[in-house]
Amino acid sequence: MAISLVRGDAHVELVFCHAVDIPRMLAHADRFADDYALALEAARDEARRLLDRCVALALQAGIVARSRIRFGAPATQISSLAKAVAADLIVIGNRPSAKMHRFLCGSVRDEMVRSSNIPILVADANPSRPSEYRAGSILAQPADPPSCAAAARLASKIATAHGAKLMFLPPSNRSAPAAHRAVEQAVAEHDPGMIVLGAARKRGLYDVFSTGVVECVLQSAVAPVLIVHD
């Protein structure tokens, strides 16, 4: 998982973060079951190898990068680090899974999307997409309802900066499944290189356990999805 830190108009710095989830680490560390210290050191070594590779790839591309290892709940640790480094953008991977699996095991992606104050770019795993990829077209929600206004503004700025075609979804006050179908239809019609969605932070139990448009889109996204909170 990476945190992208932007300073000024020209300088971009990447801060790669790997959070070691201690309970999950112990559940998968059978050979170290009797020695917590060995299991922790093995997890630290694995994290370091992964982060070193990420930093090396960034440096090869001419981008300043550094890394951090944190211990604890991944969503909490990533959000904390993002705040500490004044990040402008959080970048995470997208691993679609069944609703029941996410309910029982949790989902870092869903927790980040629900709680983060910082825009989140959810990147799908597409091996055919070049590393220098730039979206030629962007599909975004309009500035209505108000929770989408920030997303609409950011989508417009990105499109202007990269010369991308900007397309807006029709305003919709329908249910999440109906709104999701509208997004799917627009994606099939326009084949966007990026999707930008607005999201209100979820607060109540109903919001936490219900399936919203953003979650539906992330489950079937074929392009990077940028989530912007109100």
C-alpha atoms as a PDB file:
ATOM      1  CA  MET A   1       0.000   0.000   0.000  1.00  0.00           C
ATOM      2  CA  ALA A   2       1.330   3.401  -0.900  1.00  0.00           C
ATOM      3  CA  ILE A   3       0.716   6.905   0.266  1.00  0.00           C
ATOM      4  CA  SER A   4       1.346   9.597  -2.311  1.00  0.00           C
ATOM      5  CA  LEU A   5       2.573  12.883  -0.919  1.00  0.00           C
ATOM      6  CA  VAL A   6       2.456  15.918  -3.211  1.00  0.00           C
ATOM      7  CA  ARG A   7       4.301  19.111  -2.337  1.00  0.00           C
ATOM      8  CA  GLY A   8       3.897  22.139  -4.523  1.00  0.00           C
ATOM      9  CA  ASP A   9       3.265  21.806  -8.253  1.00  0.00           C
ATOM     10  CA  ALA A  10       6.343  19.857  -9.310  1.00  0.00           C
ATOM     11  CA  HIS A  11       7.619  17.679  -6.466  1.00  0.00           C
ATOM     12  CA  VAL A  12       6.005  14.322  -5.771  1.00  0.00           C
ATOM     13  CA  GLU A  13       7.140  12.031  -2.997  1.00  0.00           C
ATOM     14  CA  LEU A  14       5.897   8.505  -2.394  1.00  0.00           C
ATOM     15  CA  VAL A  15       5.708   7.047   1.077  1.00  0.00           C
ATOM     16  CA  PHE A  16       5.167   3.292   0.952  1.00  0.00           C
ATOM     17  CA  CYS A  17       3.567   1.792   4.025  1.00  0.00           C
ATOM     18  CA  HIS A  18       3.180  -1.835   5.037  1.00  0.00           C
ATOM     19  CA  ALA A  19       1.096  -2.443   8.153  1.00  0.00           C
ATOM     20  CA  VAL A  20       1.600  -5.758   9.936  1.00  0.00           C
ATOM     21  CA  ASP A  21      -1.725  -6.929  11.349  1.00  0.00           C
ATOM     22  CA  ILE A  22      -0.566  -8.780  14.493  1.00  0.00           C
ATOM     23  CA  PRO A  23      -3.612 -11.092  14.980  1.00  0.00           C
ATOM     24  CA  ARG A  24      -3.609 -12.065  11.301  1.00  0.00           C
ATOM     25  CA  MET A  25       0.156 -12.513  11.371  1.00  0.00           C
ATOM     26  CA  LEU A  26      -0.081 -14.947  14.284  1.00  0.00           C
ATOM     27  CA  ALA A  27      -2.951 -16.839  12.637  1.00  0.00           C
ATOM     28  CA  HIS A  28      -0.761 -17.535   9.597  1.00  0.00           C
ATOM     29  CA  ALA A  29       2.532 -18.139  11.420  1.00  0.00           C
ATOM     30  CA  ASP A  30       2.121 -21.801  12.378  1.00  0.00           C
ATOM     31  CA  ARG A  31       5.830 -22.548  12.365  1.00  0.00           C
ATOM     32  CA  PHE A  32       6.414 -19.731  14.858  1.00  0.00           C
ATOM     33  CA  ALA A  33       3.380 -20.516  17.037  1.00  0.00           C
ATOM     34  CA  ASP A  34       5.519 -20.971  20.149  1.00  0.00           C
ATOM     35  CA  ASP A  35       7.717 -17.934  19.621  1.00  0.00           C
ATOM     36  CA  TYR A  36       6.096 -14.542  19.147  1.00  0.00           C
ATOM     37  CA  ALA A  37       9.459 -12.794  18.670  1.00  0.00           C
ATOM     38  CA  LEU A  38      10.420 -15.057  15.748  1.00  0.00           C
ATOM     39  CA  ALA A  39       7.019 -14.594  14.089  1.00  0.00           C
ATOM     40  CA  LEU A  40       7.281 -10.822  14.445  1.00  0.00           C
ATOM     41  CA  GLU A  41      10.814 -10.763  13.030  1.00  0.00           C
ATOM     42  CA  ALA A  42       9.744 -12.897  10.053  1.00  0.00           C
ATOM     43  CA  ALA A  43       6.852 -10.513   9.348  1.00  0.00           C
ATOM     44  CA  ARG A  44       9.202  -7.537   9.630  1.00  0.00           C
ATOM     45  CA  ASP A  45      11.692  -9.104   7.195  1.00  0.00           C
ATOM     46  CA  GLU A  46       8.954  -9.866   4.673  1.00  0.00           C
ATOM     47  CA  ALA A  47       7.640  -6.310   4.931  1.00  0.00           C
ATOM     48  CA  ARG A  48      11.122  -4.874   4.485  1.00  0.00           C
ATOM     49  CA  ARG A  49      11.762  -6.925   1.317  1.00  0.00           C
ATOM     50  CA  LEU A  50       8.448  -5.783  -0.151  1.00  0.00           C
ATOM     51  CA  LEU A  51       9.021  -2.127   0.705  1.00  0.00           C
ATOM     52  CA  ASP A  52      12.614  -2.160  -0.580  1.00  0.00           C
ATOM     53  CA  ARG A  53      11.349  -3.394  -3.943  1.00  0.00           C
ATOM     54  CA  CYS A  54       8.654  -0.699  -4.051  1.00  0.00           C
ATOM     55  CA  VAL A  55      11.144   2.054  -3.257  1.00  0.00           C
ATOM     56  CA  ALA A  56      13.600   0.710  -5.858  1.00  0.00           C
ATOM     57  CA  LEU A  57      10.909   0.750  -8.569  1.00  0.00           C
ATOM     58  CA  ALA A  58       9.968   4.326  -7.663  1.00  0.00           C
ATOM     59  CA  LEU A  59      13.593   5.471  -7.760  1.00  0.00           C
ATOM     60  CA  GLN A  60      14.049   3.841 -11.165  1.00  0.00           C
ATOM     61  CA  ALA A  61      11.188   6.008 -12.393  1.00  0.00           C
ATOM     62  CA  GLY A  62      12.873   9.102 -10.969  1.00  0.00           C
ATOM     63  CA  ILE A  63      10.433   9.543  -8.081  1.00  0.00           C
ATOM     64  CA  VAL A  64      11.582  10.290  -4.546  1.00  0.00           C
ATOM     65  CA  ALA A  65      10.355   7.531  -2.213  1.00  0.00           C
ATOM     66  CA  ARG A  66      10.687   6.270   1.333  1.00  0.00           C
ATOM     67  CA  SER A  67       8.999   3.558   3.352  1.00  0.00           C
ATOM     68  CA  ARG A  68       7.536   2.833   6.759  1.00  0.00           C
ATOM     69  CA  ILE A  69       6.621  -0.370   8.576  1.00  0.00           C
ATOM     70  CA  ARG A  70       3.796  -0.109  11.080  1.00  0.00           C
ATOM     71  CA  PHE A  71       2.189  -2.622  13.413  1.00  0.00           C
ATOM     72  CA  GLY A  72      -1.529  -2.770  14.087  1.00  0.00           C
ATOM     73  CA  ALA A  73      -4.823  -2.561  12.212  1.00  0.00           C
ATOM     74  CA  PRO A  74      -3.833  -1.685   8.608  1.00  0.00           C
ATOM     75  CA  ALA A  75      -6.585   0.884   7.948  1.00  0.00           C
ATOM     76  CA  THR A  76      -5.850   2.702  11.200  1.00  0.00           C
ATOM     77  CA  GLN A  77      -2.079   2.668  10.695  1.00  0.00           C
ATOM     78  CA  ILE A  78      -2.251   3.841   7.082  1.00  0.00           C
ATOM     79  CA  SER A  79      -4.640   6.673   7.943  1.00  0.00           C
ATOM     80  CA  SER A  80      -2.424   7.715  10.843  1.00  0.00           C
ATOM     81  CA  LEU A  81       0.693   7.810   8.678  1.00  0.00           C
ATOM     82  CA  ALA A  82      -1.138   9.685   5.926  1.00  0.00           C
ATOM     83  CA  LYS A  83      -2.091  12.358   8.441  1.00  0.00           C
ATOM     84  CA  ALA A  84       1.439  12.483   9.870  1.00  0.00           C
ATOM     85  CA  VAL A  85       3.042  13.148   6.470  1.00  0.00           C
ATOM     86  CA  ALA A  86       0.235  15.486   5.299  1.00  0.00           C
ATOM     87  CA  ALA A  87      -0.567  13.210   2.372  1.00  0.00           C
ATOM     88  CA  ASP A  88      -2.731  14.469  -0.469  1.00  0.00           C
ATOM     89  CA  LEU A  89      -3.649  11.016  -1.712  1.00  0.00           C
ATOM     90  CA  ILE A  90      -3.773   7.446  -0.421  1.00  0.00           C
ATOM     91  CA  VAL A  91      -3.285   4.659  -2.963  1.00  0.00           C
ATOM     92  CA  ILE A  92      -4.458   1.143  -2.167  1.00  0.00           C
ATOM     93  CA  GLY A  93      -5.014  -2.029  -4.147  1.00  0.00           C
ATOM     94  CA  ASN A  94      -8.415  -3.428  -5.018  1.00  0.00           C
ATOM     95  CA  ARG A  95      -9.178  -7.027  -4.119  1.00  0.00           C
ATOM     96  CA  PRO A  96     -12.876  -7.709  -4.711  1.00  0.00           C
ATOM     97  CA  SER A  97     -14.349 -10.341  -2.400  1.00  0.00           C
ATOM     98  CA  ALA A  98     -17.721 -11.724  -1.376  1.00  0.00           C
ATOM     99  CA  LYS A  99     -19.884  -9.643   0.984  1.00  0.00           C
ATOM    100  CA  MET A 100     -19.915 -12.432   3.593  1.00  0.00           C
ATOM    101  CA  HIS A 101     -16.105 -12.710   3.509  1.00  0.00           C
ATOM    102  CA  ARG A 102     -15.753  -8.965   4.047  1.00  0.00           C
ATOM    103  CA  PHE A 103     -18.314  -9.083   6.879  1.00  0.00           C
ATOM    104  CA  LEU A 104     -16.518 -11.947   8.677  1.00  0.00           C
ATOM    105  CA  CYS A 105     -12.881 -11.085   7.929  1.00  0.00           C
ATOM    106  CA  GLY A 106     -13.034  -7.355   7.369  1.00  0.00           C
ATOM    107  CA  SER A 107     -11.767  -5.347   4.424  1.00  0.00           C
ATOM    108  CA  VAL A 108      -8.987  -2.768   4.602  1.00  0.00           C
ATOM    109  CA  ARG A 109     -10.305  -1.245   1.380  1.00  0.00           C
ATOM    110  CA  ASP A 110     -13.852  -0.794   2.688  1.00  0.00           C
ATOM    111  CA  GLU A 111     -12.694   0.508   6.064  1.00  0.00           C
ATOM    112  CA  MET A 112     -10.413   3.056   4.408  1.00  0.00           C
ATOM    113  CA  VAL A 113     -13.159   4.218   2.061  1.00  0.00           C
ATOM    114  CA  ARG A 114     -15.621   4.566   4.947  1.00  0.00           C
ATOM    115  CA  SER A 115     -13.392   6.546   7.296  1.00  0.00           C
ATOM    116  CA  SER A 116     -10.631   8.423   5.452  1.00  0.00           C
ATOM    117  CA  ASN A 117     -10.643  12.209   5.168  1.00  0.00           C
ATOM    118  CA  ILE A 118      -8.084  12.009   2.351  1.00  0.00           C
ATOM    119  CA  PRO A 119      -8.931  11.098  -1.269  1.00  0.00           C
ATOM    120  CA  ILE A 120      -8.266   7.411  -1.960  1.00  0.00           C
ATOM    121  CA  LEU A 121      -7.200   5.988  -5.310  1.00  0.00           C
ATOM    122  CA  VAL A 122      -8.211   2.331  -5.503  1.00  0.00           C
ATOM    123  CA  ALA A 123      -6.036   0.749  -8.179  1.00  0.00           C
ATOM    124  CA  ASP A 124      -7.176  -2.416  -9.908  1.00  0.00           C
ATOM    125  CA  ALA A 125      -4.623  -5.105 -10.770  1.00  0.00           C
ATOM    126  CA  ASN A 126      -4.295  -4.866 -14.551  1.00  0.00           C
ATOM    127  CA  PRO A 127      -0.938  -6.264 -15.774  1.00  0.00           C
ATOM    128  CA  SER A 128      -1.497  -4.849 -19.261  1.00  0.00           C
ATOM    129  CA  ARG A 129      -1.692  -1.258 -18.009  1.00  0.00           C
ATOM    130  CA  PRO A 130       1.672   0.526 -18.497  1.00  0.00           C
ATOM    131  CA  SER A 131       3.395   2.092 -15.500  1.00  0.00           C
ATOM    132  CA  GLU A 132       3.218   5.520 -17.186  1.00  0.00           C
ATOM    133  CA  TYR A 133      -0.534   5.137 -17.632  1.00  0.00           C
ATOM    134  CA  ARG A 134      -2.653   8.274 -17.909  1.00  0.00           C
ATOM    135  CA  ALA A 135      -6.403   8.209 -18.174  1.00  0.00           C
ATOM    136  CA  GLY A 136      -7.612   9.540 -21.523  1.00  0.00           C
ATOM    137  CA  SER A 137     -11.150   9.883 -20.225  1.00  0.00           C
ATOM    138  CA  ILE A 138     -12.644  10.334 -16.759  1.00  0.00           C
ATOM    139  CA  LEU A 139     -16.146   9.401 -15.666  1.00  0.00           C
ATOM    140  CA  ALA A 140     -17.328  11.355 -12.626  1.00  0.00           C
ATOM    141  CA  GLN A 141     -20.427  12.064 -10.600  1.00  0.00           C
ATOM    142  CA  PRO A 142     -21.894  15.578 -10.971  1.00  0.00           C
ATOM    143  CA  ALA A 143     -21.825  18.063  -8.101  1.00  0.00           C
ATOM    144  CA  ASP A 144     -25.286  16.952  -6.979  1.00  0.00           C
ATOM    145  CA  PRO A 145     -25.812  15.601  -4.337  1.00  0.00           C
ATOM    146  CA  PRO A 146     -23.503  17.844  -2.247  1.00  0.00           C
ATOM    147  CA  SER A 147     -21.380  14.861  -1.176  1.00  0.00           C
ATOM    148  CA  CYS A 148     -20.200  14.625  -4.793  1.00  0.00           C
ATOM    149  CA  ALA A 149     -19.227  18.294  -5.215  1.00  0.00           C
ATOM    150  CA  ALA A 150     -15.627  17.766  -4.101  1.00  0.00           C
ATOM    151  CA  ALA A 151     -15.321  14.761  -6.434  1.00  0.00           C
ATOM    152  CA  ALA A 152     -16.629  16.761  -9.380  1.00  0.00           C
ATOM    153  CA  ARG A 153     -14.159  19.581  -8.738  1.00  0.00           C
ATOM    154  CA  LEU A 154     -11.184  17.232  -8.410  1.00  0.00           C
ATOM    155  CA  ALA A 155     -12.201  15.279 -11.514  1.00  0.00           C
ATOM    156  CA  SER A 156     -12.319  18.539 -13.471  1.00  0.00           C
ATOM    157  CA  LYS A 157      -8.839  19.523 -12.252  1.00  0.00           C
ATOM    158  CA  ILE A 158      -7.371  16.124 -13.159  1.00  0.00           C
ATOM    159  CA  ALA A 159      -8.966  16.194 -16.607  1.00  0.00           C
ATOM    160  CA  THR A 160      -7.616  19.702 -17.267  1.00  0.00           C
ATOM    161  CA  ALA A 161      -4.118  18.839 -16.038  1.00  0.00           C
ATOM    162  CA  HIS A 162      -3.856  15.699 -18.186  1.00  0.00           C
ATOM    163  CA  GLY A 163      -5.912  16.735 -21.191  1.00  0.00           C
ATOM    164  CA  ALA A 164      -8.450  13.991 -20.500  1.00  0.00           C
ATOM    165  CA  LYS A 165     -12.051  13.961 -21.664  1.00  0.00           C
ATOM    166  CA  LEU A 166     -14.406  14.531 -18.724  1.00  0.00           C
ATOM    167  CA  MET A 167     -17.825  12.854 -18.687  1.00  0.00           C
ATOM    168  CA  PHE A 168     -20.455  13.108 -15.961  1.00  0.00           C
ATOM    169  CA  LEU A 169     -23.018  10.602 -14.831  1.00  0.00           C
ATOM    170  CA  PRO A 170     -26.624  11.808 -14.798  1.00  0.00           C
ATOM    171  CA  PRO A 171     -27.795  12.957 -11.338  1.00  0.00           C
ATOM    172  CA  SER A 172     -29.478  10.109  -9.489  1.00  0.00           C
ATOM    173  CA  ASN A 173     -31.414   9.824  -6.254  1.00  0.00           C
ATOM    174  CA  ARG A 174     -32.230   6.176  -6.832  1.00  0.00           C
ATOM    175  CA  SER A 175     -31.347   3.230  -4.645  1.00  0.00           C
ATOM    176  CA  ALA A 176     -27.764   1.960  -4.559  1.00  0.00           C
ATOM    177  CA  PRO A 177     -28.422  -1.021  -6.900  1.00  0.00           C
ATOM    178  CA  ALA A 178     -30.182   1.233  -9.435  1.00  0.00           C
ATOM    179  CA  ALA A 179     -27.435   3.863  -9.221  1.00  0.00           C
ATOM    180  CA  HIS A 180     -24.822   1.129  -9.606  1.00  0.00           C
ATOM    181  CA  ARG A 181     -26.541  -0.127 -12.762  1.00  0.00           C
ATOM    182  CA  ALA A 182     -26.427   3.412 -14.129  1.00  0.00           C
ATOM    183  CA  VAL A 183     -22.683   3.553 -13.449  1.00  0.00           C
ATOM    184  CA  GLU A 184     -22.172   0.148 -15.081  1.00  0.00           C
ATOM    185  CA  GLN A 185     -24.068   1.296 -18.159  1.00  0.00           C
ATOM    186  CA  ALA A 186     -21.998   4.491 -18.388  1.00  0.00           C
ATOM    187  CA  VAL A 187     -18.747   2.537 -17.941  1.00  0.00           C
ATOM    188  CA  ALA A 188     -19.728   0.109 -20.721  1.00  0.00           C
ATOM    189  CA  GLU A 189     -20.685   3.001 -23.005  1.00  0.00           C
ATOM    190  CA  HIS A 190     -17.704   5.303 -22.414  1.00  0.00           C
ATOM    191  CA  ASP A 191     -14.923   2.883 -21.324  1.00  0.00           C
ATOM    192  CA  PRO A 192     -13.313   5.484 -18.998  1.00  0.00           C
ATOM    193  CA  GLY A 193      -9.684   5.345 -17.946  1.00  0.00           C
ATOM    194  CA  MET A 194     -10.628   6.492 -14.437  1.00  0.00           C
ATOM    195  CA  ILE A 195     -13.793   6.724 -12.359  1.00  0.00           C
ATOM    196  CA  VAL A 196     -14.192   9.491  -9.768  1.00  0.00           C
ATOM    197  CA  LEU A 197     -16.879   9.058  -7.113  1.00  0.00           C
ATOM    198  CA  GLY A 198     -17.997  11.169  -4.185  1.00  0.00           C
ATOM    199  CA  ALA A 199     -18.735   9.522  -0.856  1.00  0.00           C
ATOM    200  CA  ALA A 200     -20.120  10.662   2.458  1.00  0.00           C
ATOM    201  CA  ARG A 201     -18.345   9.121   5.440  1.00  0.00           C
ATOM    202  CA  LYS A 202     -20.398   6.296   6.943  1.00  0.00           C
ATOM    203  CA  ARG A 203     -21.353   6.781  10.542  1.00  0.00           C
ATOM    204  CA  GLY A 204     -24.344   4.649  11.569  1.00  0.00           C
ATOM    205  CA  LEU A 205     -24.710   0.872  11.728  1.00  0.00           C
ATOM    206  CA  TYR A 206     -26.978   0.878   8.684  1.00  0.00           C
ATOM    207  CA  ASP A 207     -24.361   2.710   6.612  1.00  0.00           C
ATOM    208  CA  VAL A 208     -21.586   0.408   7.785  1.00  0.00           C
ATOM    209  CA  PHE A 209     -23.398  -2.833   6.927  1.00  0.00           C
ATOM    210  CA  SER A 210     -25.321  -1.674   3.847  1.00  0.00           C
ATOM    211  CA  THR A 211     -23.887  -1.812   0.338  1.00  0.00           C
ATOM    212  CA  GLY A 212     -23.488   1.608  -1.261  1.00  0.00           C
ATOM    213  CA  VAL A 213     -22.759   2.711  -4.816  1.00  0.00           C
ATOM    214  CA  VAL A 214     -19.045   3.133  -4.127  1.00  0.00           C
ATOM    215  CA  GLU A 215     -18.690  -0.385  -2.741  1.00  0.00           C
ATOM    216  CA  CYS A 216     -20.670  -1.836  -5.656  1.00  0.00           C
ATOM    217  CA  VAL A 217     -18.472  -0.045  -8.188  1.00  0.00           C
ATOM    218  CA  LEU A 218     -15.269  -1.175  -6.465  1.00  0.00           C
ATOM    219  CA  GLN A 219     -16.405  -4.789  -6.617  1.00  0.00           C
ATOM    220  CA  SER A 220     -16.549  -4.726 -10.417  1.00  0.00           C
ATOM    221  CA  ALA A 221     -14.244  -1.847 -11.376  1.00  0.00           C
ATOM    222  CA  VAL A 222     -12.190  -2.277 -14.563  1.00  0.00           C
ATOM    223  CA  ALA A 223     -10.362   1.033 -14.107  1.00  0.00           C
ATOM    224  CA  PRO A 224      -8.787   2.934 -11.204  1.00  0.00           C
ATOM    225  CA  VAL A 225     -11.412   4.482  -8.924  1.00  0.00           C
ATOM    226  CA  LEU A 226     -10.759   7.739  -7.084  1.00  0.00           C
ATOM    227  CA  ILE A 227     -12.893   8.202  -3.962  1.00  0.00           C
ATOM    228  CA  VAL A 228     -13.348  11.757  -2.689  1.00  0.00           C
ATOM    229  CA  HIS A 229     -15.146  12.430   0.599  1.00  0.00           C
ATOM    230  CA  ASP A 230     -17.434  15.341   1.378  1.00  0.00           C
END
